[in-house]
Amino acid sequence: MRTSTLALPLTAAALLVAATLGTAQIERLDLSQMVSKADNAVFGTIVNKEVIRIDHPADGAELYFTTLTVEGQSLKTGENLTVDVVFSGGFVDADHGVNNSEAPSADDTRIGNRVVAFYKWSTNLGGQLAGNGLYAAHGGLFRTFENRGRTVVQGRGEGYAVPANVEYTKLKSDVTTLVNTPK
């Protein structure tokens, strides 16, 4: 059997990539873990959405970040607040941007949507961009809907902080209890 001189290095590289991908895991968080790791959570309306591009000498060219401005109320303190929450990915126009499999969907991030967003401050989200990073990427953003006069936070399934649909008042109560429980 004859092999080219490139066969062995290419095979080794493919095995290395497969091993790396095989060990990658997404962080699974229940509500208690999310509350303890996130700086805050906001329930409110997305009032602005902006995508920026950063070209950074160390982190690389064409880094795209989406910022959602959410006006609402803190789940931890009950105070009114307006907060910018940032995540990786997005498009500045039809030809310039990048999809990120861990970013929330375009449907989840539409202006006017009412959401719950968990976030944590970072001094460097990439490209030296500082901001409130959406915690756990798409796992930190939950859409809401109205049902019989009640606001319901839409669950995302097992392994997410909100695994099943829950009334907003119940979620807020649970977060308040977790925040006020001595560690």
N, C-alpha and C. Protein backbone atom coordinates (compact mmCIF):
# COMPACT_ATOMS: atom_id res chain seq x y z
N MET A 1 0.85 -1.16 0.00
CA MET A 1 0.00 0.00 0.00
C MET A 1 0.90 1.23 0.00
N ARG A 2 0.67 2.14 -0.93
CA ARG A 2 1.47 3.36 -1.03
C ARG A 2 0.66 4.52 -0.46
N THR A 3 1.34 5.38 0.28
CA THR A 3 0.71 6.58 0.79
C THR A 3 1.57 7.77 0.42
N SER A 4 0.93 8.89 0.29
CA SER A 4 1.68 10.10 -0.03
C SER A 4 2.40 10.60 1.22
N THR A 5 3.34 11.49 1.03
CA THR A 5 4.08 12.04 2.17
C THR A 5 3.20 12.93 3.04
N LEU A 6 2.08 13.37 2.51
CA LEU A 6 1.15 14.19 3.28
C LEU A 6 0.13 13.38 4.07
N ALA A 7 -0.02 12.10 3.77
CA ALA A 7 -1.07 11.30 4.39
C ALA A 7 -0.93 11.22 5.90
N LEU A 8 0.25 10.95 6.41
CA LEU A 8 0.44 10.82 7.84
C LEU A 8 0.18 12.14 8.57
N PRO A 9 0.77 13.27 8.13
CA PRO A 9 0.48 14.53 8.83
C PRO A 9 -1.00 14.92 8.75
N LEU A 10 -1.65 14.70 7.61
CA LEU A 10 -3.07 15.05 7.48
C LEU A 10 -3.93 14.18 8.40
N THR A 11 -3.60 12.90 8.49
CA THR A 11 -4.34 12.00 9.37
C THR A 11 -4.17 12.42 10.83
N ALA A 12 -2.93 12.76 11.20
CA ALA A 12 -2.67 13.20 12.58
C ALA A 12 -3.45 14.48 12.89
N ALA A 13 -3.46 15.41 11.95
CA ALA A 13 -4.20 16.66 12.15
C ALA A 13 -5.70 16.39 12.29
N ALA A 14 -6.24 15.50 11.46
CA ALA A 14 -7.66 15.18 11.53
C ALA A 14 -8.01 14.53 12.87
N LEU A 15 -7.15 13.65 13.37
CA LEU A 15 -7.39 13.02 14.66
C LEU A 15 -7.33 14.04 15.80
N LEU A 16 -6.41 14.99 15.70
CA LEU A 16 -6.31 16.02 16.72
C LEU A 16 -7.56 16.88 16.76
N VAL A 17 -8.06 17.27 15.59
CA VAL A 17 -9.28 18.07 15.51
C VAL A 17 -10.47 17.28 16.06
N ALA A 18 -10.57 16.01 15.69
CA ALA A 18 -11.67 15.17 16.17
C ALA A 18 -11.61 15.01 17.69
N ALA A 19 -10.41 14.85 18.24
CA ALA A 19 -10.27 14.71 19.69
C ALA A 19 -10.68 16.00 20.39
N THR A 20 -10.31 17.12 19.83
CA THR A 20 -10.67 18.41 20.41
C THR A 20 -12.18 18.60 20.39
N LEU A 21 -12.81 18.32 19.26
CA LEU A 21 -14.25 18.47 19.16
C LEU A 21 -14.98 17.48 20.05
N GLY A 22 -14.43 16.30 20.20
CA GLY A 22 -15.06 15.27 21.02
C GLY A 22 -15.10 15.62 22.49
N THR A 23 -14.15 16.46 22.96
CA THR A 23 -14.13 16.80 24.37
C THR A 23 -14.83 18.13 24.66
N ALA A 24 -15.21 18.88 23.64
CA ALA A 24 -15.89 20.16 23.87
C ALA A 24 -17.25 19.90 24.49
N GLN A 25 -17.57 20.69 25.52
CA GLN A 25 -18.85 20.54 26.18
C GLN A 25 -19.46 21.91 26.46
N ILE A 26 -20.76 21.98 26.36
CA ILE A 26 -21.48 23.19 26.71
C ILE A 26 -21.84 23.10 28.18
N GLU A 27 -21.65 24.20 28.89
CA GLU A 27 -21.94 24.22 30.31
C GLU A 27 -23.43 24.06 30.57
N ARG A 28 -23.78 23.09 31.38
CA ARG A 28 -25.17 22.87 31.78
C ARG A 28 -25.37 23.59 33.11
N LEU A 29 -26.42 24.39 33.20
CA LEU A 29 -26.66 25.18 34.40
C LEU A 29 -28.11 25.08 34.83
N ASP A 30 -28.32 24.79 36.11
CA ASP A 30 -29.67 24.93 36.63
C ASP A 30 -29.82 26.38 37.09
N LEU A 31 -31.00 26.77 37.55
CA LEU A 31 -31.25 28.16 37.91
C LEU A 31 -30.32 28.62 39.03
N SER A 32 -30.10 27.79 40.02
CA SER A 32 -29.23 28.14 41.14
C SER A 32 -27.81 28.45 40.64
N GLN A 33 -27.29 27.61 39.77
CA GLN A 33 -25.94 27.83 39.24
C GLN A 33 -25.89 29.10 38.39
N MET A 34 -26.91 29.31 37.58
CA MET A 34 -26.94 30.51 36.73
C MET A 34 -26.96 31.77 37.58
N VAL A 35 -27.80 31.79 38.59
CA VAL A 35 -27.91 32.97 39.46
C VAL A 35 -26.58 33.22 40.17
N SER A 36 -25.90 32.17 40.60
CA SER A 36 -24.64 32.36 41.33
C SER A 36 -23.51 32.81 40.41
N LYS A 37 -23.57 32.47 39.14
CA LYS A 37 -22.49 32.82 38.21
C LYS A 37 -22.72 34.14 37.48
N ALA A 38 -23.97 34.48 37.24
CA ALA A 38 -24.29 35.73 36.52
C ALA A 38 -24.28 36.90 37.50
N ASP A 39 -23.92 38.07 37.00
CA ASP A 39 -23.97 39.28 37.84
C ASP A 39 -25.41 39.72 38.10
N ASN A 40 -26.27 39.53 37.10
CA ASN A 40 -27.65 39.99 37.21
C ASN A 40 -28.46 39.34 36.11
N ALA A 41 -29.76 39.56 36.17
CA ALA A 41 -30.67 39.14 35.11
C ALA A 41 -31.69 40.25 34.95
N VAL A 42 -32.09 40.49 33.73
CA VAL A 42 -33.07 41.54 33.45
C VAL A 42 -34.27 40.92 32.74
N PHE A 43 -35.45 41.35 33.15
CA PHE A 43 -36.68 41.03 32.43
C PHE A 43 -37.13 42.33 31.79
N GLY A 44 -37.24 42.32 30.46
CA GLY A 44 -37.64 43.55 29.80
C GLY A 44 -37.78 43.39 28.31
N THR A 45 -37.79 44.52 27.64
CA THR A 45 -38.01 44.58 26.20
C THR A 45 -36.71 44.95 25.49
N ILE A 46 -36.41 44.24 24.42
CA ILE A 46 -35.25 44.60 23.60
C ILE A 46 -35.63 45.86 22.82
N VAL A 47 -34.92 46.95 23.09
CA VAL A 47 -35.25 48.23 22.46
C VAL A 47 -34.23 48.64 21.39
N ASN A 48 -33.10 47.96 21.35
CA ASN A 48 -32.10 48.26 20.32
C ASN A 48 -31.23 47.03 20.11
N LYS A 49 -30.73 46.91 18.89
CA LYS A 49 -29.84 45.80 18.53
C LYS A 49 -28.80 46.39 17.59
N GLU A 50 -27.53 46.19 17.93
CA GLU A 50 -26.45 46.74 17.11
C GLU A 50 -25.34 45.70 16.99
N VAL A 51 -24.79 45.56 15.79
CA VAL A 51 -23.67 44.66 15.56
C VAL A 51 -22.46 45.49 15.20
N ILE A 52 -21.33 45.17 15.82
CA ILE A 52 -20.08 45.86 15.51
C ILE A 52 -19.04 44.85 15.03
N ARG A 53 -18.06 45.37 14.33
CA ARG A 53 -16.93 44.57 13.87
C ARG A 53 -15.67 45.13 14.53
N ILE A 54 -14.84 44.23 15.02
CA ILE A 54 -13.55 44.62 15.61
C ILE A 54 -12.46 43.85 14.88
N ASP A 55 -11.44 44.56 14.45
CA ASP A 55 -10.23 43.94 13.91
C ASP A 55 -9.15 44.13 14.96
N HIS A 56 -8.69 43.04 15.54
CA HIS A 56 -7.76 43.12 16.67
C HIS A 56 -6.44 42.44 16.30
N PRO A 57 -5.32 43.06 16.63
CA PRO A 57 -4.03 42.50 16.23
C PRO A 57 -3.75 41.11 16.83
N ALA A 58 -4.19 40.86 18.05
CA ALA A 58 -3.93 39.56 18.67
C ALA A 58 -5.08 38.58 18.50
N ASP A 59 -6.31 39.06 18.66
CA ASP A 59 -7.47 38.17 18.61
C ASP A 59 -7.94 37.88 17.19
N GLY A 60 -7.53 38.69 16.24
CA GLY A 60 -7.86 38.42 14.84
C GLY A 60 -8.76 39.47 14.22
N ALA A 61 -8.87 39.34 12.92
CA ALA A 61 -9.70 40.25 12.13
C ALA A 61 -11.14 39.76 12.10
N GLU A 62 -12.02 40.67 11.83
CA GLU A 62 -13.44 40.39 11.64
C GLU A 62 -14.08 39.66 12.82
N LEU A 63 -13.95 40.25 13.99
CA LEU A 63 -14.68 39.78 15.16
C LEU A 63 -15.99 40.55 15.20
N TYR A 64 -17.10 39.85 15.22
CA TYR A 64 -18.41 40.49 15.22
C TYR A 64 -19.10 40.24 16.56
N PHE A 65 -19.69 41.29 17.11
CA PHE A 65 -20.41 41.21 18.38
C PHE A 65 -21.74 41.91 18.24
N THR A 66 -22.78 41.31 18.83
CA THR A 66 -24.11 41.92 18.85
C THR A 66 -24.40 42.43 20.25
N THR A 67 -24.88 43.66 20.31
CA THR A 67 -25.31 44.25 21.58
C THR A 67 -26.81 44.44 21.56
N LEU A 68 -27.47 43.89 22.56
CA LEU A 68 -28.91 44.09 22.75
C LEU A 68 -29.08 45.06 23.91
N THR A 69 -29.89 46.09 23.72
CA THR A 69 -30.25 46.98 24.81
C THR A 69 -31.61 46.53 25.32
N VAL A 70 -31.66 46.20 26.61
CA VAL A 70 -32.89 45.70 27.22
C VAL A 70 -33.32 46.68 28.30
N GLU A 71 -34.55 47.17 28.19
CA GLU A 71 -35.15 48.05 29.20
C GLU A 71 -36.11 47.21 30.02
N GLY A 72 -35.92 47.22 31.34
CA GLY A 72 -36.82 46.43 32.16
C GLY A 72 -36.51 46.52 33.62
N GLN A 73 -36.50 45.34 34.27
CA GLN A 73 -36.37 45.26 35.72
C GLN A 73 -35.41 44.14 36.07
N SER A 74 -34.56 44.38 37.07
CA SER A 74 -33.63 43.37 37.56
C SER A 74 -34.39 42.28 38.29
N LEU A 75 -34.09 41.03 37.96
CA LEU A 75 -34.69 39.92 38.71
C LEU A 75 -34.08 39.81 40.09
N LYS A 76 -32.85 40.28 40.26
CA LYS A 76 -32.17 40.16 41.56
C LYS A 76 -32.60 41.23 42.55
N THR A 77 -32.81 42.48 42.06
CA THR A 77 -33.08 43.58 42.98
C THR A 77 -34.47 44.19 42.82
N GLY A 78 -35.12 43.93 41.69
CA GLY A 78 -36.42 44.53 41.42
C GLY A 78 -36.34 45.95 40.88
N GLU A 79 -35.13 46.51 40.80
CA GLU A 79 -34.96 47.88 40.32
C GLU A 79 -35.13 47.96 38.81
N ASN A 80 -35.66 49.11 38.34
CA ASN A 80 -35.74 49.37 36.90
C ASN A 80 -34.33 49.58 36.38
N LEU A 81 -34.05 49.07 35.19
CA LEU A 81 -32.74 49.26 34.61
C LEU A 81 -32.79 49.12 33.10
N THR A 82 -31.82 49.75 32.48
CA THR A 82 -31.57 49.56 31.05
C THR A 82 -30.15 49.05 30.95
N VAL A 83 -29.96 47.93 30.28
CA VAL A 83 -28.65 47.29 30.23
C VAL A 83 -28.34 46.84 28.81
N ASP A 84 -27.07 46.99 28.43
CA ASP A 84 -26.58 46.44 27.17
C ASP A 84 -25.99 45.08 27.45
N VAL A 85 -26.41 44.08 26.69
CA VAL A 85 -25.93 42.71 26.83
C VAL A 85 -25.31 42.31 25.49
N VAL A 86 -24.10 41.75 25.55
CA VAL A 86 -23.32 41.47 24.35
C VAL A 86 -23.12 39.97 24.17
N PHE A 87 -23.13 39.53 22.90
CA PHE A 87 -22.76 38.15 22.58
C PHE A 87 -22.01 38.12 21.26
N SER A 88 -21.25 37.06 21.06
CA SER A 88 -20.44 36.88 19.85
C SER A 88 -21.30 36.55 18.65
N GLY A 89 -20.96 37.16 17.51
CA GLY A 89 -21.64 36.87 16.26
C GLY A 89 -22.58 37.98 15.87
N GLY A 90 -23.09 37.88 14.66
CA GLY A 90 -24.03 38.85 14.14
C GLY A 90 -23.58 39.39 12.79
N PHE A 91 -24.46 40.14 12.16
CA PHE A 91 -24.19 40.70 10.84
C PHE A 91 -24.44 42.19 10.84
N VAL A 92 -23.44 42.96 10.35
CA VAL A 92 -23.63 44.40 10.21
C VAL A 92 -24.43 44.71 8.96
N ASP A 93 -24.36 43.83 7.96
CA ASP A 93 -25.19 43.91 6.76
C ASP A 93 -25.23 42.51 6.15
N ALA A 94 -25.88 42.37 5.02
CA ALA A 94 -26.08 41.04 4.42
C ALA A 94 -24.77 40.34 4.06
N ASP A 95 -23.70 41.10 3.84
CA ASP A 95 -22.44 40.51 3.39
C ASP A 95 -21.35 40.47 4.45
N HIS A 96 -21.54 41.13 5.57
CA HIS A 96 -20.46 41.24 6.55
C HIS A 96 -20.95 40.84 7.94
N GLY A 97 -20.44 39.72 8.40
CA GLY A 97 -20.80 39.22 9.71
C GLY A 97 -20.45 37.75 9.82
N VAL A 98 -20.88 37.16 10.91
CA VAL A 98 -20.57 35.76 11.13
C VAL A 98 -21.70 35.13 11.97
N ASN A 99 -22.05 33.91 11.61
CA ASN A 99 -22.96 33.12 12.43
C ASN A 99 -22.16 32.51 13.57
N ASN A 100 -22.78 32.36 14.70
CA ASN A 100 -22.16 31.71 15.84
C ASN A 100 -23.19 30.71 16.36
N SER A 101 -22.83 29.44 16.37
CA SER A 101 -23.80 28.41 16.76
C SER A 101 -24.27 28.56 18.20
N GLU A 102 -23.53 29.26 19.03
CA GLU A 102 -23.92 29.45 20.42
C GLU A 102 -24.67 30.76 20.65
N ALA A 103 -24.82 31.57 19.62
CA ALA A 103 -25.53 32.84 19.76
C ALA A 103 -27.04 32.59 19.75
N PRO A 104 -27.79 33.47 20.39
CA PRO A 104 -29.25 33.37 20.29
C PRO A 104 -29.70 33.54 18.84
N SER A 105 -30.83 33.00 18.51
CA SER A 105 -31.34 33.09 17.14
C SER A 105 -31.81 34.51 16.83
N ALA A 106 -31.92 34.81 15.55
CA ALA A 106 -32.42 36.12 15.12
C ALA A 106 -33.84 36.34 15.65
N ASP A 107 -34.65 35.28 15.69
CA ASP A 107 -36.02 35.41 16.24
C ASP A 107 -35.99 35.78 17.72
N ASP A 108 -35.03 35.23 18.46
CA ASP A 108 -34.94 35.51 19.90
C ASP A 108 -34.51 36.94 20.18
N THR A 109 -33.80 37.57 19.23
CA THR A 109 -33.18 38.87 19.50
C THR A 109 -33.83 40.02 18.74
N ARG A 110 -35.05 39.84 18.31
CA ARG A 110 -35.74 40.92 17.59
C ARG A 110 -36.10 42.08 18.52
N ILE A 111 -35.96 43.30 17.98
CA ILE A 111 -36.39 44.48 18.73
C ILE A 111 -37.88 44.33 19.01
N GLY A 112 -38.26 44.61 20.25
CA GLY A 112 -39.66 44.47 20.67
C GLY A 112 -39.92 43.21 21.46
N ASN A 113 -39.04 42.20 21.34
CA ASN A 113 -39.23 40.98 22.12
C ASN A 113 -39.08 41.28 23.61
N ARG A 114 -39.91 40.61 24.40
CA ARG A 114 -39.76 40.66 25.85
C ARG A 114 -38.99 39.41 26.25
N VAL A 115 -37.91 39.62 27.01
CA VAL A 115 -36.98 38.53 27.32
C VAL A 115 -36.52 38.59 28.77
N VAL A 116 -35.94 37.50 29.20
CA VAL A 116 -35.14 37.45 30.42
C VAL A 116 -33.72 37.16 29.95
N ALA A 117 -32.77 38.00 30.38
CA ALA A 117 -31.37 37.83 29.98
C ALA A 117 -30.48 37.82 31.21
N PHE A 118 -29.68 36.77 31.35
CA PHE A 118 -28.69 36.67 32.42
C PHE A 118 -27.36 37.15 31.85
N TYR A 119 -26.62 37.95 32.62
CA TYR A 119 -25.38 38.51 32.08
C TYR A 119 -24.31 38.65 33.16
N LYS A 120 -23.07 38.76 32.69
CA LYS A 120 -21.91 38.91 33.57
C LYS A 120 -20.91 39.85 32.91
N TRP A 121 -20.37 40.78 33.68
CA TRP A 121 -19.40 41.75 33.18
C TRP A 121 -18.09 41.05 32.83
N SER A 122 -17.51 41.44 31.72
CA SER A 122 -16.19 40.96 31.31
C SER A 122 -15.37 42.13 30.80
N THR A 123 -14.11 42.16 31.17
CA THR A 123 -13.22 43.21 30.69
C THR A 123 -12.74 42.93 29.28
N ASN A 124 -12.90 41.67 28.81
CA ASN A 124 -12.48 41.34 27.45
C ASN A 124 -13.32 40.18 26.90
N LEU A 125 -14.35 40.54 26.15
CA LEU A 125 -15.20 39.54 25.50
C LEU A 125 -14.55 39.03 24.21
N GLY A 126 -13.45 39.65 23.83
CA GLY A 126 -12.73 39.38 22.59
C GLY A 126 -12.42 40.70 21.93
N GLY A 127 -11.24 40.83 21.38
CA GLY A 127 -10.88 42.08 20.72
C GLY A 127 -10.84 43.26 21.66
N GLN A 128 -10.63 43.00 22.95
CA GLN A 128 -10.58 44.01 24.02
C GLN A 128 -11.93 44.71 24.24
N LEU A 129 -13.01 44.10 23.81
CA LEU A 129 -14.35 44.65 24.04
C LEU A 129 -14.80 44.29 25.45
N ALA A 130 -15.06 45.30 26.26
CA ALA A 130 -15.57 45.10 27.61
C ALA A 130 -17.09 45.27 27.59
N GLY A 131 -17.78 44.50 28.41
CA GLY A 131 -19.23 44.65 28.47
C GLY A 131 -19.89 43.55 29.26
N ASN A 132 -21.20 43.63 29.34
CA ASN A 132 -22.01 42.61 29.99
C ASN A 132 -22.24 41.48 29.00
N GLY A 133 -21.49 40.41 29.14
CA GLY A 133 -21.65 39.27 28.25
C GLY A 133 -22.89 38.48 28.61
N LEU A 134 -23.65 38.10 27.60
CA LEU A 134 -24.81 37.22 27.81
C LEU A 134 -24.26 35.91 28.37
N TYR A 135 -24.65 35.57 29.60
CA TYR A 135 -24.07 34.39 30.22
C TYR A 135 -24.57 33.11 29.54
N ALA A 136 -23.65 32.20 29.28
CA ALA A 136 -23.96 30.92 28.65
C ALA A 136 -24.52 31.10 27.24
N ALA A 137 -24.12 32.18 26.58
CA ALA A 137 -24.53 32.46 25.19
C ALA A 137 -26.05 32.33 25.05
N HIS A 138 -26.52 31.50 24.09
CA HIS A 138 -27.97 31.42 23.90
C HIS A 138 -28.68 30.84 25.12
N GLY A 139 -27.94 30.17 25.99
CA GLY A 139 -28.52 29.60 27.20
C GLY A 139 -28.83 30.63 28.27
N GLY A 140 -28.48 31.90 28.02
CA GLY A 140 -28.75 32.95 28.99
C GLY A 140 -29.87 33.88 28.59
N LEU A 141 -30.50 33.60 27.45
CA LEU A 141 -31.59 34.45 26.95
C LEU A 141 -32.86 33.62 26.80
N PHE A 142 -33.94 34.10 27.40
CA PHE A 142 -35.22 33.38 27.38
C PHE A 142 -36.32 34.32 26.93
N ARG A 143 -37.03 33.93 25.89
CA ARG A 143 -38.18 34.73 25.42
C ARG A 143 -39.35 34.54 26.36
N THR A 144 -40.26 35.50 26.32
CA THR A 144 -41.47 35.41 27.11
C THR A 144 -42.68 35.51 26.19
N PHE A 145 -43.82 35.09 26.69
CA PHE A 145 -45.07 35.25 25.97
C PHE A 145 -46.19 35.43 26.98
N GLU A 146 -47.29 35.95 26.49
CA GLU A 146 -48.46 36.18 27.34
C GLU A 146 -49.43 35.01 27.17
N ASN A 147 -49.99 34.56 28.30
CA ASN A 147 -50.96 33.47 28.29
C ASN A 147 -51.98 33.74 29.38
N ARG A 148 -53.21 34.05 28.95
CA ARG A 148 -54.31 34.30 29.89
C ARG A 148 -53.96 35.41 30.89
N GLY A 149 -53.34 36.46 30.37
CA GLY A 149 -53.01 37.60 31.21
C GLY A 149 -51.77 37.43 32.07
N ARG A 150 -51.06 36.35 31.88
CA ARG A 150 -49.85 36.10 32.66
C ARG A 150 -48.64 36.06 31.73
N THR A 151 -47.51 36.54 32.22
CA THR A 151 -46.27 36.48 31.45
C THR A 151 -45.59 35.16 31.76
N VAL A 152 -45.24 34.43 30.70
CA VAL A 152 -44.59 33.13 30.85
C VAL A 152 -43.20 33.21 30.22
N VAL A 153 -42.19 32.72 30.95
CA VAL A 153 -40.83 32.63 30.43
C VAL A 153 -40.70 31.26 29.77
N GLN A 154 -40.28 31.29 28.52
CA GLN A 154 -40.23 30.06 27.73
C GLN A 154 -38.97 29.26 28.08
N GLY A 155 -39.18 28.04 28.58
CA GLY A 155 -38.08 27.15 28.93
C GLY A 155 -37.36 26.63 27.69
N ARG A 156 -36.12 26.19 27.89
CA ARG A 156 -35.30 25.70 26.78
C ARG A 156 -34.98 24.21 26.87
N GLY A 157 -35.40 23.54 27.92
CA GLY A 157 -35.14 22.11 28.04
C GLY A 157 -34.12 21.81 29.13
N GLU A 158 -33.93 20.52 29.36
CA GLU A 158 -33.02 20.05 30.40
C GLU A 158 -31.61 20.61 30.18
N GLY A 159 -30.98 21.03 31.26
CA GLY A 159 -29.62 21.57 31.19
C GLY A 159 -29.56 23.08 31.08
N TYR A 160 -30.72 23.71 30.97
CA TYR A 160 -30.79 25.17 30.92
C TYR A 160 -31.34 25.69 32.25
N ALA A 161 -31.01 26.95 32.57
CA ALA A 161 -31.45 27.56 33.83
C ALA A 161 -32.97 27.58 33.94
N VAL A 162 -33.65 27.72 32.83
CA VAL A 162 -35.11 27.65 32.79
C VAL A 162 -35.47 26.48 31.87
N PRO A 163 -35.62 25.29 32.44
CA PRO A 163 -35.82 24.11 31.60
C PRO A 163 -37.23 23.98 31.01
N ALA A 164 -38.23 24.52 31.71
CA ALA A 164 -39.62 24.40 31.27
C ALA A 164 -40.29 25.76 31.40
N ASN A 165 -41.37 25.95 30.68
CA ASN A 165 -42.12 27.20 30.78
C ASN A 165 -42.50 27.46 32.24
N VAL A 166 -42.33 28.72 32.65
CA VAL A 166 -42.63 29.08 34.03
C VAL A 166 -43.17 30.51 34.03
N GLU A 167 -44.15 30.76 34.90
CA GLU A 167 -44.65 32.13 35.02
C GLU A 167 -43.53 33.03 35.50
N TYR A 168 -43.49 34.24 34.93
CA TYR A 168 -42.45 35.20 35.30
C TYR A 168 -42.43 35.46 36.80
N THR A 169 -43.59 35.59 37.43
CA THR A 169 -43.64 35.88 38.86
C THR A 169 -42.98 34.75 39.67
N LYS A 170 -43.13 33.52 39.23
CA LYS A 170 -42.50 32.37 39.91
C LYS A 170 -41.00 32.42 39.71
N LEU A 171 -40.54 32.69 38.48
CA LEU A 171 -39.10 32.78 38.21
C LEU A 171 -38.48 33.90 39.05
N LYS A 172 -39.12 35.05 39.07
CA LYS A 172 -38.61 36.19 39.85
C LYS A 172 -38.52 35.81 41.33
N SER A 173 -39.54 35.17 41.86
CA SER A 173 -39.54 34.73 43.25
C SER A 173 -38.40 33.75 43.51
N ASP A 174 -38.21 32.80 42.60
CA ASP A 174 -37.13 31.82 42.76
C ASP A 174 -35.76 32.49 42.74
N VAL A 175 -35.56 33.46 41.84
CA VAL A 175 -34.28 34.17 41.77
C VAL A 175 -34.07 34.97 43.06
N THR A 176 -35.09 35.67 43.53
CA THR A 176 -34.98 36.45 44.77
C THR A 176 -34.62 35.55 45.94
N THR A 177 -35.24 34.39 46.03
CA THR A 177 -34.94 33.44 47.10
C THR A 177 -33.49 32.99 47.00
N LEU A 178 -33.02 32.67 45.80
CA LEU A 178 -31.63 32.22 45.63
C LEU A 178 -30.63 33.34 46.00
N VAL A 179 -30.95 34.57 45.62
CA VAL A 179 -30.06 35.69 45.92
C VAL A 179 -29.98 35.92 47.44
N ASN A 180 -31.09 35.74 48.13
CA ASN A 180 -31.15 36.05 49.57
C ASN A 180 -30.85 34.87 50.47
N THR A 181 -30.55 33.71 49.89
CA THR A 181 -30.21 32.53 50.68
C THR A 181 -28.73 32.58 51.01
N PRO A 182 -28.38 32.50 52.32
CA PRO A 182 -26.95 32.51 52.69
C PRO A 182 -26.22 31.34 52.05
N LYS A 183 -25.01 31.63 51.64
CA LYS A 183 -24.19 30.59 50.98
C LYS A 183 -23.55 29.69 51.99
